[in-house]
């Protein structure tokens, strides 16, 4: 009979590499011209095996594509963006409503902090900082809905459009629309109004559809 042992669970190296590559994608720092395994392995100071495994997973999730000569962020067509917006419209308003009904004071404080960071970045026209604060806001909102599967599905779609999102947030009028939507969501949290949060999310997604359409089929 085995004796009970306490095992310290640590993230597998492949999972650490996967998260590191996702961070590059979220920040818009994955090379536009693409990258090969050995370059990424050298950048992360790991062997090629966990990099290959992480790249395979990212390709399966649609965040990267294998060109045969390396890996790059895929271009999104008008059909791709329409599908993504339609899917988000079916899920995100309800997720926002769930978040209002399930979130606590800590979650609200995190949303308020991300909103303040967005406002500051908008004032200084710091697009990268605005996008980072935007990601923090969305991450907290998804966590607050209390459904890990929803968070996973929407998180993957977020990463798929992140490079395009950085471009749509460059015009100040687009950032103002985002700020108004997030301000309305925070107000809904404070008021405990799930329907108001859902309505605000629908407005944000309608605006996102217009932003992406304005960039053309391939951004």
N, C-alpha and C. Protein backbone atom coordinates (compact mmCIF):
# COMPACT_ATOMS: atom_id res chain seq x y z
N UNK A 1 0.85 -1.20 0.00
CA UNK A 1 0.00 0.00 0.00
C UNK A 1 0.88 1.25 0.00
N UNK A 2 0.47 2.23 -0.83
CA UNK A 2 1.24 3.45 -0.90
C UNK A 2 0.93 4.34 0.29
N UNK A 3 1.94 5.03 0.79
CA UNK A 3 1.73 6.01 1.84
C UNK A 3 1.38 7.35 1.20
N UNK A 4 0.51 8.10 1.86
CA UNK A 4 0.12 9.41 1.34
C UNK A 4 1.30 10.37 1.35
N UNK A 5 1.49 11.06 0.23
CA UNK A 5 2.58 12.03 0.13
C UNK A 5 2.04 13.34 -0.39
N UNK A 6 2.62 14.41 0.07
CA UNK A 6 2.24 15.72 -0.42
C UNK A 6 3.13 16.07 -1.60
N UNK A 7 2.53 16.31 -2.72
CA UNK A 7 3.27 16.64 -3.93
C UNK A 7 3.06 18.12 -4.25
N UNK A 8 4.16 18.82 -4.44
CA UNK A 8 4.06 20.22 -4.84
C UNK A 8 3.79 20.27 -6.34
N UNK A 9 2.66 20.80 -6.70
CA UNK A 9 2.28 20.85 -8.11
C UNK A 9 2.82 22.14 -8.74
N UNK A 10 3.57 21.95 -9.78
CA UNK A 10 4.13 23.09 -10.51
C UNK A 10 3.66 23.03 -11.96
N UNK A 11 3.50 24.18 -12.58
CA UNK A 11 3.09 24.16 -14.00
C UNK A 11 4.13 23.45 -14.85
N UNK A 12 3.67 22.61 -15.77
CA UNK A 12 4.60 21.96 -16.68
C UNK A 12 5.27 23.00 -17.56
N UNK A 13 6.49 22.68 -18.00
CA UNK A 13 7.25 23.63 -18.81
C UNK A 13 6.47 23.99 -20.07
N UNK A 14 5.82 22.99 -20.68
CA UNK A 14 5.03 23.28 -21.87
C UNK A 14 3.95 24.32 -21.58
N UNK A 15 3.30 24.20 -20.42
CA UNK A 15 2.26 25.15 -20.06
C UNK A 15 2.83 26.53 -19.81
N UNK A 16 4.02 26.59 -19.20
CA UNK A 16 4.66 27.88 -18.98
C UNK A 16 5.01 28.55 -20.30
N UNK A 17 5.52 27.75 -21.25
CA UNK A 17 5.86 28.28 -22.57
C UNK A 17 4.59 28.75 -23.28
N UNK A 18 3.53 27.96 -23.18
CA UNK A 18 2.25 28.33 -23.79
C UNK A 18 1.78 29.69 -23.27
N UNK A 19 1.83 29.89 -21.96
CA UNK A 19 1.39 31.16 -21.39
C UNK A 19 2.31 32.30 -21.80
N UNK A 20 3.60 32.03 -21.89
CA UNK A 20 4.55 33.07 -22.31
C UNK A 20 4.28 33.50 -23.75
N UNK A 21 3.98 32.55 -24.62
CA UNK A 21 3.68 32.88 -26.01
C UNK A 21 2.34 33.61 -26.11
N UNK A 22 1.37 33.21 -25.31
CA UNK A 22 0.09 33.94 -25.30
C UNK A 22 0.30 35.38 -24.83
N UNK A 23 1.18 35.57 -23.87
CA UNK A 23 1.47 36.94 -23.41
C UNK A 23 2.05 37.78 -24.55
N UNK A 24 2.92 37.17 -25.37
CA UNK A 24 3.46 37.88 -26.53
C UNK A 24 2.35 38.25 -27.50
N UNK A 25 1.43 37.32 -27.71
CA UNK A 25 0.32 37.58 -28.62
C UNK A 25 -0.59 38.68 -28.07
N UNK A 26 -0.89 38.62 -26.78
CA UNK A 26 -1.76 39.63 -26.17
C UNK A 26 -1.15 41.02 -26.26
N UNK A 27 0.18 41.09 -26.10
CA UNK A 27 0.86 42.38 -26.13
C UNK A 27 1.14 42.87 -27.55
N UNK A 28 0.78 42.06 -28.55
CA UNK A 28 1.07 42.43 -29.94
C UNK A 28 2.54 42.38 -30.26
N UNK A 29 3.31 41.56 -29.52
CA UNK A 29 4.76 41.51 -29.67
C UNK A 29 5.25 40.29 -30.44
N UNK A 30 4.33 39.40 -30.84
CA UNK A 30 4.76 38.28 -31.67
C UNK A 30 5.13 38.84 -33.03
N UNK A 31 6.31 38.47 -33.58
CA UNK A 31 6.78 39.09 -34.83
C UNK A 31 5.75 38.98 -35.96
N UNK A 32 5.46 40.09 -36.61
CA UNK A 32 4.49 40.07 -37.70
C UNK A 32 4.96 39.21 -38.85
N UNK A 33 6.28 39.14 -39.05
CA UNK A 33 6.82 38.33 -40.13
C UNK A 33 6.83 36.85 -39.76
N UNK A 34 6.52 36.54 -38.52
CA UNK A 34 6.51 35.16 -38.07
C UNK A 34 7.79 34.80 -37.33
N UNK A 35 7.82 33.61 -36.77
CA UNK A 35 8.98 33.14 -36.02
C UNK A 35 9.09 31.63 -36.15
N UNK A 36 10.27 31.11 -35.94
CA UNK A 36 10.51 29.67 -36.00
C UNK A 36 10.81 29.15 -34.60
N UNK A 37 10.73 27.83 -34.46
CA UNK A 37 10.87 27.21 -33.13
C UNK A 37 12.16 27.62 -32.42
N UNK A 38 13.29 27.53 -33.12
CA UNK A 38 14.55 27.78 -32.44
C UNK A 38 14.68 29.23 -31.97
N UNK A 39 14.09 30.18 -32.73
CA UNK A 39 14.10 31.57 -32.29
C UNK A 39 13.30 31.75 -31.01
N UNK A 40 12.13 31.14 -30.97
CA UNK A 40 11.28 31.25 -29.78
C UNK A 40 11.90 30.53 -28.59
N UNK A 41 12.53 29.38 -28.85
CA UNK A 41 13.20 28.65 -27.77
C UNK A 41 14.34 29.48 -27.18
N UNK A 42 15.10 30.14 -28.05
CA UNK A 42 16.19 30.99 -27.57
C UNK A 42 15.66 32.18 -26.79
N UNK A 43 14.55 32.77 -27.28
CA UNK A 43 13.95 33.91 -26.60
C UNK A 43 13.48 33.54 -25.20
N UNK A 44 12.92 32.33 -25.06
CA UNK A 44 12.38 31.89 -23.77
C UNK A 44 13.38 31.09 -22.94
N UNK A 45 14.57 30.82 -23.54
CA UNK A 45 15.63 30.08 -22.85
C UNK A 45 15.17 28.69 -22.43
N UNK A 46 14.53 27.99 -23.37
CA UNK A 46 14.08 26.62 -23.13
C UNK A 46 14.45 25.79 -24.36
N UNK A 47 14.26 24.47 -24.26
CA UNK A 47 14.50 23.61 -25.41
C UNK A 47 13.36 23.75 -26.42
N UNK A 48 13.55 23.17 -27.59
CA UNK A 48 12.54 23.31 -28.64
C UNK A 48 11.31 22.45 -28.38
N UNK A 49 11.44 21.38 -27.61
CA UNK A 49 10.31 20.46 -27.42
C UNK A 49 9.09 21.13 -26.78
N UNK A 50 9.23 21.83 -25.63
CA UNK A 50 8.03 22.48 -25.07
C UNK A 50 7.52 23.61 -25.96
N UNK A 51 8.42 24.24 -26.71
CA UNK A 51 7.99 25.29 -27.63
C UNK A 51 7.15 24.68 -28.74
N UNK A 52 7.60 23.54 -29.27
CA UNK A 52 6.84 22.87 -30.34
C UNK A 52 5.45 22.47 -29.83
N UNK A 53 5.38 21.94 -28.61
CA UNK A 53 4.10 21.51 -28.05
C UNK A 53 3.16 22.71 -27.84
N UNK A 54 3.72 23.82 -27.35
CA UNK A 54 2.90 25.01 -27.12
C UNK A 54 2.42 25.60 -28.45
N UNK A 55 3.29 25.61 -29.46
CA UNK A 55 2.91 26.13 -30.76
C UNK A 55 1.80 25.28 -31.38
N UNK A 56 1.89 23.97 -31.21
CA UNK A 56 0.85 23.09 -31.73
C UNK A 56 -0.50 23.43 -31.11
N UNK A 57 -0.51 23.66 -29.80
CA UNK A 57 -1.75 24.00 -29.12
C UNK A 57 -2.28 25.35 -29.59
N UNK A 58 -1.40 26.33 -29.75
CA UNK A 58 -1.83 27.65 -30.20
C UNK A 58 -2.38 27.61 -31.62
N UNK A 59 -1.82 26.73 -32.45
CA UNK A 59 -2.36 26.57 -33.81
C UNK A 59 -3.75 25.94 -33.76
N UNK A 60 -3.93 24.95 -32.89
CA UNK A 60 -5.24 24.32 -32.76
C UNK A 60 -6.30 25.33 -32.31
N UNK A 61 -5.89 26.30 -31.50
CA UNK A 61 -6.84 27.29 -30.99
C UNK A 61 -7.02 28.47 -31.94
N UNK A 62 -6.32 28.47 -33.07
CA UNK A 62 -6.49 29.52 -34.06
C UNK A 62 -5.73 30.79 -33.78
N UNK A 63 -4.82 30.77 -32.82
CA UNK A 63 -4.07 31.98 -32.49
C UNK A 63 -2.81 32.12 -33.32
N UNK A 64 -2.31 30.99 -33.84
CA UNK A 64 -1.16 30.99 -34.75
C UNK A 64 -1.46 30.03 -35.89
N UNK A 65 -0.67 30.16 -36.95
CA UNK A 65 -0.77 29.19 -38.05
C UNK A 65 0.62 28.78 -38.47
N UNK A 66 0.73 27.53 -38.88
CA UNK A 66 1.99 26.95 -39.34
C UNK A 66 2.11 27.19 -40.84
N UNK A 67 3.10 27.98 -41.25
CA UNK A 67 3.27 28.30 -42.67
C UNK A 67 4.14 27.29 -43.39
N UNK A 68 4.72 26.34 -42.64
CA UNK A 68 5.68 25.41 -43.23
C UNK A 68 7.09 25.91 -43.07
N UNK A 69 7.25 27.22 -42.89
CA UNK A 69 8.56 27.82 -42.68
C UNK A 69 8.65 28.48 -41.31
N UNK A 70 7.57 28.43 -40.57
CA UNK A 70 7.53 29.06 -39.26
C UNK A 70 6.09 29.26 -38.82
N UNK A 71 5.90 30.11 -37.85
CA UNK A 71 4.57 30.35 -37.29
C UNK A 71 4.29 31.85 -37.30
N UNK A 72 3.06 32.19 -37.63
CA UNK A 72 2.67 33.59 -37.67
C UNK A 72 1.23 33.75 -37.18
N UNK A 73 0.88 34.99 -36.88
CA UNK A 73 -0.50 35.29 -36.50
C UNK A 73 -1.34 35.29 -37.77
N UNK A 74 -2.41 34.50 -37.81
CA UNK A 74 -3.21 34.44 -39.05
C UNK A 74 -3.98 35.72 -39.29
N UNK A 75 -4.15 36.03 -40.57
CA UNK A 75 -5.00 37.15 -40.94
C UNK A 75 -6.46 36.75 -40.75
N UNK A 76 -7.27 37.70 -40.32
CA UNK A 76 -8.69 37.44 -40.11
C UNK A 76 -9.49 38.08 -41.23
N UNK A 77 -10.32 37.27 -41.87
CA UNK A 77 -11.17 37.77 -42.95
C UNK A 77 -12.42 38.43 -42.38
N UNK A 78 -13.19 39.05 -43.25
CA UNK A 78 -14.47 39.63 -42.82
C UNK A 78 -15.37 38.53 -42.25
N UNK A 79 -15.34 37.35 -42.87
CA UNK A 79 -16.15 36.23 -42.37
C UNK A 79 -15.69 35.81 -40.98
N UNK A 80 -14.36 35.75 -40.79
CA UNK A 80 -13.83 35.40 -39.47
C UNK A 80 -14.34 36.37 -38.41
N UNK A 81 -14.25 37.66 -38.70
CA UNK A 81 -14.65 38.66 -37.72
C UNK A 81 -16.15 38.62 -37.47
N UNK A 82 -16.92 38.39 -38.52
CA UNK A 82 -18.38 38.29 -38.34
C UNK A 82 -18.72 37.10 -37.44
N UNK A 83 -18.04 35.98 -37.67
CA UNK A 83 -18.28 34.80 -36.84
C UNK A 83 -17.91 35.06 -35.38
N UNK A 84 -16.79 35.74 -35.18
CA UNK A 84 -16.34 36.02 -33.81
C UNK A 84 -17.32 36.95 -33.10
N UNK A 85 -17.74 38.00 -33.79
CA UNK A 85 -18.68 38.95 -33.17
C UNK A 85 -20.01 38.26 -32.87
N UNK A 86 -20.50 37.44 -33.80
CA UNK A 86 -21.76 36.73 -33.57
C UNK A 86 -21.66 35.82 -32.35
N UNK A 87 -20.54 35.11 -32.24
CA UNK A 87 -20.35 34.21 -31.10
C UNK A 87 -20.29 35.00 -29.80
N UNK A 88 -19.54 36.09 -29.83
CA UNK A 88 -19.43 36.90 -28.62
C UNK A 88 -20.78 37.49 -28.22
N UNK A 89 -21.57 37.89 -29.21
CA UNK A 89 -22.90 38.45 -28.89
C UNK A 89 -23.80 37.41 -28.24
N UNK A 90 -23.61 36.14 -28.59
CA UNK A 90 -24.43 35.10 -27.99
C UNK A 90 -24.01 34.79 -26.56
N UNK A 91 -22.75 35.07 -26.22
CA UNK A 91 -22.22 34.65 -24.92
C UNK A 91 -21.96 35.81 -23.96
N UNK A 92 -21.30 36.86 -24.44
CA UNK A 92 -20.77 37.87 -23.52
C UNK A 92 -21.81 38.68 -22.77
N UNK A 93 -22.93 39.09 -23.38
CA UNK A 93 -23.91 39.82 -22.56
C UNK A 93 -24.38 39.01 -21.37
N UNK A 94 -24.64 37.71 -21.58
CA UNK A 94 -25.07 36.87 -20.46
C UNK A 94 -23.94 36.69 -19.45
N UNK A 95 -22.69 36.60 -19.96
CA UNK A 95 -21.55 36.48 -19.04
C UNK A 95 -21.43 37.73 -18.17
N UNK A 96 -21.66 38.90 -18.76
CA UNK A 96 -21.61 40.14 -17.99
C UNK A 96 -22.71 40.17 -16.94
N UNK A 97 -23.90 39.69 -17.32
CA UNK A 97 -25.01 39.64 -16.35
C UNK A 97 -24.69 38.69 -15.21
N UNK A 98 -24.11 37.53 -15.54
CA UNK A 98 -23.72 36.59 -14.50
C UNK A 98 -22.67 37.20 -13.57
N UNK A 99 -21.74 37.95 -14.16
CA UNK A 99 -20.68 38.56 -13.36
C UNK A 99 -21.26 39.51 -12.32
N UNK A 100 -22.26 40.29 -12.71
CA UNK A 100 -22.89 41.22 -11.77
C UNK A 100 -23.52 40.46 -10.61
N UNK A 101 -24.16 39.34 -10.92
CA UNK A 101 -24.86 38.60 -9.87
C UNK A 101 -23.92 37.80 -8.98
N UNK A 102 -22.69 37.55 -9.46
CA UNK A 102 -21.77 36.69 -8.71
C UNK A 102 -20.53 37.39 -8.16
N UNK A 103 -20.25 38.57 -8.62
CA UNK A 103 -19.01 39.25 -8.23
C UNK A 103 -19.07 39.77 -6.80
N UNK A 104 -17.89 39.96 -6.22
CA UNK A 104 -17.81 40.52 -4.87
C UNK A 104 -17.12 41.88 -4.93
N UNK A 105 -16.89 42.47 -3.77
CA UNK A 105 -16.31 43.81 -3.70
C UNK A 105 -14.90 43.84 -4.28
N UNK A 106 -14.17 42.75 -4.12
CA UNK A 106 -12.81 42.69 -4.66
C UNK A 106 -12.83 42.76 -6.19
N UNK A 107 -13.77 42.04 -6.80
CA UNK A 107 -13.89 42.07 -8.26
C UNK A 107 -14.26 43.46 -8.75
N UNK A 108 -15.19 44.10 -8.05
CA UNK A 108 -15.58 45.46 -8.44
C UNK A 108 -14.40 46.40 -8.35
N UNK A 109 -13.62 46.29 -7.28
CA UNK A 109 -12.45 47.16 -7.13
C UNK A 109 -11.46 46.95 -8.27
N UNK A 110 -11.29 45.70 -8.70
CA UNK A 110 -10.38 45.41 -9.80
C UNK A 110 -10.89 46.02 -11.10
N UNK A 111 -12.19 45.93 -11.35
CA UNK A 111 -12.76 46.55 -12.55
C UNK A 111 -12.60 48.06 -12.51
N UNK A 112 -12.83 48.65 -11.35
CA UNK A 112 -12.68 50.11 -11.22
C UNK A 112 -11.23 50.52 -11.46
N UNK A 113 -10.29 49.73 -10.96
CA UNK A 113 -8.88 50.04 -11.18
C UNK A 113 -8.50 49.96 -12.64
N UNK A 114 -9.00 48.93 -13.34
CA UNK A 114 -8.70 48.80 -14.76
C UNK A 114 -9.33 49.95 -15.55
N UNK A 115 -10.53 50.36 -15.15
CA UNK A 115 -11.20 51.46 -15.83
C UNK A 115 -10.43 52.76 -15.65
N UNK A 116 -9.91 52.99 -14.44
CA UNK A 116 -9.10 54.20 -14.20
C UNK A 116 -7.84 54.17 -15.06
N UNK A 117 -7.23 52.99 -15.17
CA UNK A 117 -6.03 52.87 -16.00
C UNK A 117 -6.34 53.13 -17.47
N UNK A 118 -7.48 52.65 -17.92
CA UNK A 118 -7.90 52.93 -19.30
C UNK A 118 -8.07 54.43 -19.51
N UNK A 119 -8.72 55.09 -18.57
CA UNK A 119 -8.97 56.53 -18.70
C UNK A 119 -7.67 57.31 -18.75
N UNK A 120 -6.71 56.94 -17.89
CA UNK A 120 -5.42 57.62 -17.89
C UNK A 120 -4.69 57.40 -19.20
N UNK A 121 -4.69 56.15 -19.68
CA UNK A 121 -4.01 55.84 -20.93
C UNK A 121 -4.66 56.55 -22.11
N UNK A 122 -5.98 56.69 -22.07
CA UNK A 122 -6.67 57.41 -23.15
C UNK A 122 -6.25 58.88 -23.15
N UNK A 123 -6.17 59.48 -21.98
CA UNK A 123 -5.79 60.89 -21.88
C UNK A 123 -4.39 61.13 -22.44
N UNK A 124 -3.48 60.19 -22.20
CA UNK A 124 -2.10 60.34 -22.66
C UNK A 124 -1.86 59.72 -24.03
N UNK A 125 -2.94 59.17 -24.64
CA UNK A 125 -2.85 58.53 -25.96
C UNK A 125 -1.83 57.39 -25.97
N UNK A 126 -1.73 56.67 -24.86
CA UNK A 126 -0.83 55.53 -24.76
C UNK A 126 -1.63 54.27 -25.15
N UNK A 127 -1.55 53.89 -26.41
CA UNK A 127 -2.38 52.81 -26.94
C UNK A 127 -2.05 51.48 -26.27
N UNK A 128 -0.75 51.21 -26.10
CA UNK A 128 -0.36 49.94 -25.49
C UNK A 128 -0.88 49.83 -24.05
N UNK A 129 -0.78 50.93 -23.30
CA UNK A 129 -1.27 50.92 -21.92
C UNK A 129 -2.78 50.79 -21.89
N UNK A 130 -3.47 51.44 -22.84
CA UNK A 130 -4.92 51.32 -22.90
C UNK A 130 -5.32 49.87 -23.19
N UNK A 131 -4.63 49.26 -24.16
CA UNK A 131 -4.95 47.87 -24.51
C UNK A 131 -4.69 46.93 -23.34
N UNK A 132 -3.61 47.19 -22.59
CA UNK A 132 -3.30 46.35 -21.43
C UNK A 132 -4.38 46.49 -20.36
N UNK A 133 -4.80 47.73 -20.11
CA UNK A 133 -5.86 47.95 -19.12
C UNK A 133 -7.18 47.35 -19.60
N UNK A 134 -7.43 47.45 -20.90
CA UNK A 134 -8.62 46.84 -21.49
C UNK A 134 -8.62 45.33 -21.26
N UNK A 135 -7.47 44.70 -21.45
CA UNK A 135 -7.37 43.25 -21.23
C UNK A 135 -7.61 42.91 -19.76
N UNK A 136 -7.08 43.74 -18.85
CA UNK A 136 -7.30 43.48 -17.43
C UNK A 136 -8.79 43.58 -17.09
N UNK A 137 -9.45 44.57 -17.67
CA UNK A 137 -10.88 44.74 -17.42
C UNK A 137 -11.64 43.51 -17.89
N UNK A 138 -11.35 43.07 -19.13
CA UNK A 138 -12.07 41.94 -19.69
C UNK A 138 -11.75 40.65 -18.92
N UNK A 139 -10.49 40.47 -18.54
CA UNK A 139 -10.13 39.27 -17.80
C UNK A 139 -10.89 39.20 -16.47
N UNK A 140 -10.95 40.34 -15.79
CA UNK A 140 -11.66 40.36 -14.51
C UNK A 140 -13.15 40.12 -14.71
N UNK A 141 -13.71 40.72 -15.75
CA UNK A 141 -15.13 40.53 -16.02
C UNK A 141 -15.44 39.05 -16.27
N UNK A 142 -14.59 38.39 -17.06
CA UNK A 142 -14.82 36.98 -17.36
C UNK A 142 -14.65 36.11 -16.13
N UNK A 143 -13.63 36.41 -15.32
CA UNK A 143 -13.45 35.63 -14.09
C UNK A 143 -14.65 35.80 -13.16
N UNK A 144 -15.21 37.00 -13.15
CA UNK A 144 -16.31 37.29 -12.23
C UNK A 144 -17.59 36.54 -12.58
N UNK A 145 -17.70 36.08 -13.82
CA UNK A 145 -18.94 35.37 -14.19
C UNK A 145 -18.99 33.99 -13.54
N UNK A 146 -17.85 33.52 -13.03
CA UNK A 146 -17.84 32.27 -12.29
C UNK A 146 -18.01 31.02 -13.12
N UNK A 147 -17.72 31.10 -14.41
CA UNK A 147 -17.86 29.95 -15.30
C UNK A 147 -16.56 29.79 -16.09
N UNK A 148 -15.75 28.80 -15.73
CA UNK A 148 -14.44 28.67 -16.34
C UNK A 148 -14.51 28.34 -17.83
N UNK A 149 -15.53 27.63 -18.26
CA UNK A 149 -15.63 27.29 -19.68
C UNK A 149 -15.93 28.53 -20.52
N UNK A 150 -16.79 29.40 -20.01
CA UNK A 150 -17.05 30.65 -20.72
C UNK A 150 -15.76 31.46 -20.80
N UNK A 151 -15.03 31.53 -19.69
CA UNK A 151 -13.77 32.28 -19.67
C UNK A 151 -12.78 31.73 -20.69
N UNK A 152 -12.69 30.41 -20.80
CA UNK A 152 -11.76 29.80 -21.74
C UNK A 152 -12.14 30.09 -23.18
N UNK A 153 -13.42 29.95 -23.50
CA UNK A 153 -13.88 30.18 -24.87
C UNK A 153 -13.64 31.63 -25.29
N UNK A 154 -14.06 32.56 -24.44
CA UNK A 154 -13.93 33.96 -24.79
C UNK A 154 -12.47 34.41 -24.72
N UNK A 155 -11.69 33.80 -23.82
CA UNK A 155 -10.28 34.16 -23.73
C UNK A 155 -9.54 33.83 -25.02
N UNK A 156 -9.85 32.69 -25.61
CA UNK A 156 -9.23 32.30 -26.88
C UNK A 156 -9.61 33.29 -27.98
N UNK A 157 -10.87 33.66 -28.05
CA UNK A 157 -11.30 34.61 -29.08
C UNK A 157 -10.66 35.98 -28.87
N UNK A 158 -10.50 36.37 -27.62
CA UNK A 158 -9.82 37.63 -27.33
C UNK A 158 -8.41 37.63 -27.91
N UNK A 159 -7.70 36.53 -27.68
CA UNK A 159 -6.33 36.45 -28.17
C UNK A 159 -6.27 36.43 -29.69
N UNK A 160 -7.27 35.83 -30.33
CA UNK A 160 -7.30 35.79 -31.79
C UNK A 160 -7.40 37.19 -32.40
N UNK A 161 -8.08 38.10 -31.72
CA UNK A 161 -8.30 39.43 -32.30
C UNK A 161 -7.40 40.50 -31.67
N UNK A 162 -6.45 40.08 -30.80
CA UNK A 162 -5.71 41.09 -30.05
C UNK A 162 -4.91 42.03 -30.93
N UNK A 163 -4.22 41.49 -31.95
CA UNK A 163 -3.43 42.37 -32.81
C UNK A 163 -4.34 43.38 -33.53
N UNK A 164 -5.50 42.91 -33.97
CA UNK A 164 -6.45 43.80 -34.63
C UNK A 164 -7.02 44.81 -33.64
N UNK A 165 -7.24 44.36 -32.39
CA UNK A 165 -7.77 45.26 -31.38
C UNK A 165 -6.82 46.43 -31.13
N UNK A 166 -5.52 46.17 -31.14
CA UNK A 166 -4.55 47.25 -30.93
C UNK A 166 -4.71 48.33 -31.99
N UNK A 167 -5.04 47.93 -33.22
CA UNK A 167 -5.23 48.91 -34.29
C UNK A 167 -6.55 49.65 -34.14
N UNK A 168 -7.60 48.94 -33.71
CA UNK A 168 -8.90 49.62 -33.59
C UNK A 168 -8.91 50.61 -32.44
N UNK A 169 -8.03 50.42 -31.45
CA UNK A 169 -8.00 51.33 -30.31
C UNK A 169 -7.14 52.57 -30.55
N UNK A 170 -6.47 52.64 -31.68
CA UNK A 170 -5.64 53.81 -31.98
C UNK A 170 -6.47 55.08 -32.14
N UNK A 171 -7.59 55.08 -32.88
CA UNK A 171 -8.39 56.30 -32.99
C UNK A 171 -9.01 56.66 -31.63
N UNK A 172 -8.89 57.90 -31.19
CA UNK A 172 -9.41 58.28 -29.87
C UNK A 172 -10.91 58.07 -29.73
N UNK A 173 -11.66 58.24 -30.83
CA UNK A 173 -13.11 58.06 -30.74
C UNK A 173 -13.48 56.61 -30.42
N UNK A 174 -12.66 55.67 -30.87
CA UNK A 174 -12.92 54.27 -30.54
C UNK A 174 -12.65 53.99 -29.06
N UNK A 175 -11.59 54.58 -28.55
CA UNK A 175 -11.29 54.40 -27.12
C UNK A 175 -12.39 55.02 -26.27
N UNK A 176 -12.95 56.14 -26.73
CA UNK A 176 -14.03 56.78 -25.98
C UNK A 176 -15.26 55.89 -25.91
N UNK A 177 -15.56 55.20 -27.01
CA UNK A 177 -16.69 54.27 -27.01
C UNK A 177 -16.45 53.13 -26.01
N UNK A 178 -15.23 52.61 -26.01
CA UNK A 178 -14.88 51.54 -25.07
C UNK A 178 -15.00 52.02 -23.63
N UNK A 179 -14.51 53.22 -23.37
CA UNK A 179 -14.59 53.77 -22.02
C UNK A 179 -16.03 53.94 -21.57
N UNK A 180 -16.89 54.43 -22.46
CA UNK A 180 -18.29 54.60 -22.09
C UNK A 180 -18.93 53.25 -21.76
N UNK A 181 -18.61 52.24 -22.56
CA UNK A 181 -19.17 50.92 -22.30
C UNK A 181 -18.69 50.34 -20.98
N UNK A 182 -17.41 50.47 -20.71
CA UNK A 182 -16.87 49.93 -19.46
C UNK A 182 -17.37 50.73 -18.25
N UNK A 183 -17.54 52.03 -18.43
CA UNK A 183 -18.12 52.83 -17.35
C UNK A 183 -19.53 52.37 -17.03
N UNK A 184 -20.30 52.05 -18.08
CA UNK A 184 -21.67 51.56 -17.88
C UNK A 184 -21.68 50.20 -17.19
N UNK A 185 -20.72 49.35 -17.52
CA UNK A 185 -20.64 48.04 -16.87
C UNK A 185 -20.30 48.19 -15.38
N UNK A 186 -19.35 49.07 -15.06
CA UNK A 186 -19.01 49.30 -13.66
C UNK A 186 -20.21 49.86 -12.90
N UNK A 187 -20.95 50.78 -13.54
CA UNK A 187 -22.15 51.32 -12.90
C UNK A 187 -23.17 50.22 -12.65
N UNK A 188 -23.28 49.27 -13.58
CA UNK A 188 -24.21 48.15 -13.39
C UNK A 188 -23.77 47.27 -12.23
N UNK A 189 -22.47 47.07 -12.07
CA UNK A 189 -21.96 46.32 -10.92
C UNK A 189 -22.33 47.01 -9.62
N UNK A 190 -22.11 48.32 -9.59
CA UNK A 190 -22.40 49.06 -8.36
C UNK A 190 -23.89 49.01 -8.02
N UNK A 191 -24.73 49.03 -9.05
CA UNK A 191 -26.17 49.03 -8.83
C UNK A 191 -26.74 47.62 -8.69
N UNK A 192 -25.92 46.60 -8.94
CA UNK A 192 -26.42 45.23 -8.90
C UNK A 192 -27.45 44.96 -9.97
N UNK A 193 -27.22 45.48 -11.18
CA UNK A 193 -28.18 45.42 -12.28
C UNK A 193 -27.63 44.55 -13.42
N UNK A 194 -27.91 43.25 -13.43
CA UNK A 194 -27.39 42.38 -14.48
C UNK A 194 -27.82 42.78 -15.88
N UNK A 195 -29.08 43.20 -16.04
CA UNK A 195 -29.56 43.55 -17.37
C UNK A 195 -28.84 44.77 -17.93
N UNK A 196 -28.51 45.73 -17.07
CA UNK A 196 -27.77 46.90 -17.54
C UNK A 196 -26.39 46.50 -18.02
N UNK A 197 -25.76 45.55 -17.32
CA UNK A 197 -24.45 45.08 -17.75
C UNK A 197 -24.54 44.38 -19.09
N UNK A 198 -25.57 43.57 -19.27
CA UNK A 198 -25.76 42.87 -20.55
C UNK A 198 -25.98 43.86 -21.69
N UNK A 199 -26.79 44.89 -21.43
CA UNK A 199 -27.06 45.90 -22.46
C UNK A 199 -25.79 46.65 -22.82
N UNK A 200 -24.98 46.98 -21.82
CA UNK A 200 -23.72 47.69 -22.09
C UNK A 200 -22.79 46.82 -22.91
N UNK A 201 -22.75 45.53 -22.62
CA UNK A 201 -21.89 44.63 -23.38
C UNK A 201 -22.36 44.52 -24.82
N UNK A 202 -23.66 44.48 -25.04
CA UNK A 202 -24.16 44.44 -26.42
C UNK A 202 -23.74 45.69 -27.19
N UNK A 203 -23.77 46.84 -26.53
CA UNK A 203 -23.35 48.08 -27.18
C UNK A 203 -21.86 48.04 -27.52
N UNK A 204 -21.06 47.52 -26.61
CA UNK A 204 -19.62 47.41 -26.86
C UNK A 204 -19.35 46.52 -28.05
N UNK A 205 -20.04 45.39 -28.14
CA UNK A 205 -19.82 44.45 -29.23
C UNK A 205 -20.31 45.00 -30.57
N UNK A 206 -21.39 45.75 -30.54
CA UNK A 206 -21.86 46.39 -31.77
C UNK A 206 -20.81 47.37 -32.28
N UNK A 207 -20.23 48.12 -31.35
CA UNK A 207 -19.17 49.07 -31.73
C UNK A 207 -17.94 48.33 -32.24
N UNK A 208 -17.59 47.20 -31.60
CA UNK A 208 -16.44 46.42 -32.05
C UNK A 208 -16.64 45.94 -33.48
N UNK A 209 -17.86 45.52 -33.79
CA UNK A 209 -18.15 45.09 -35.15
C UNK A 209 -17.91 46.21 -36.15
N UNK A 210 -18.29 47.43 -35.76
CA UNK A 210 -18.05 48.58 -36.64
C UNK A 210 -16.57 48.89 -36.76
N UNK A 211 -15.84 48.78 -35.64
CA UNK A 211 -14.40 49.03 -35.67
C UNK A 211 -13.71 48.09 -36.65
N UNK A 212 -14.01 46.79 -36.53
CA UNK A 212 -13.34 45.80 -37.36
C UNK A 212 -13.72 45.94 -38.82
N UNK A 213 -15.01 46.26 -39.08
CA UNK A 213 -15.43 46.44 -40.46
C UNK A 213 -14.70 47.61 -41.10
N UNK A 214 -14.38 48.61 -40.31
CA UNK A 214 -13.68 49.78 -40.84
C UNK A 214 -12.26 49.50 -41.26
N UNK A 215 -11.70 48.36 -40.80
CA UNK A 215 -10.32 48.02 -41.15
C UNK A 215 -10.23 47.20 -42.42
N UNK A 216 -11.38 46.72 -42.92
CA UNK A 216 -11.35 45.92 -44.14
C UNK A 216 -11.22 44.45 -43.81
N UNK A 217 -11.18 43.64 -44.84
CA UNK A 217 -11.23 42.19 -44.68
C UNK A 217 -10.05 41.65 -43.88
N UNK A 218 -8.85 42.15 -44.11
CA UNK A 218 -7.66 41.60 -43.45
C UNK A 218 -7.02 42.60 -42.50
N UNK A 219 -7.78 43.61 -42.07
CA UNK A 219 -7.20 44.58 -41.15
C UNK A 219 -6.24 45.49 -41.86
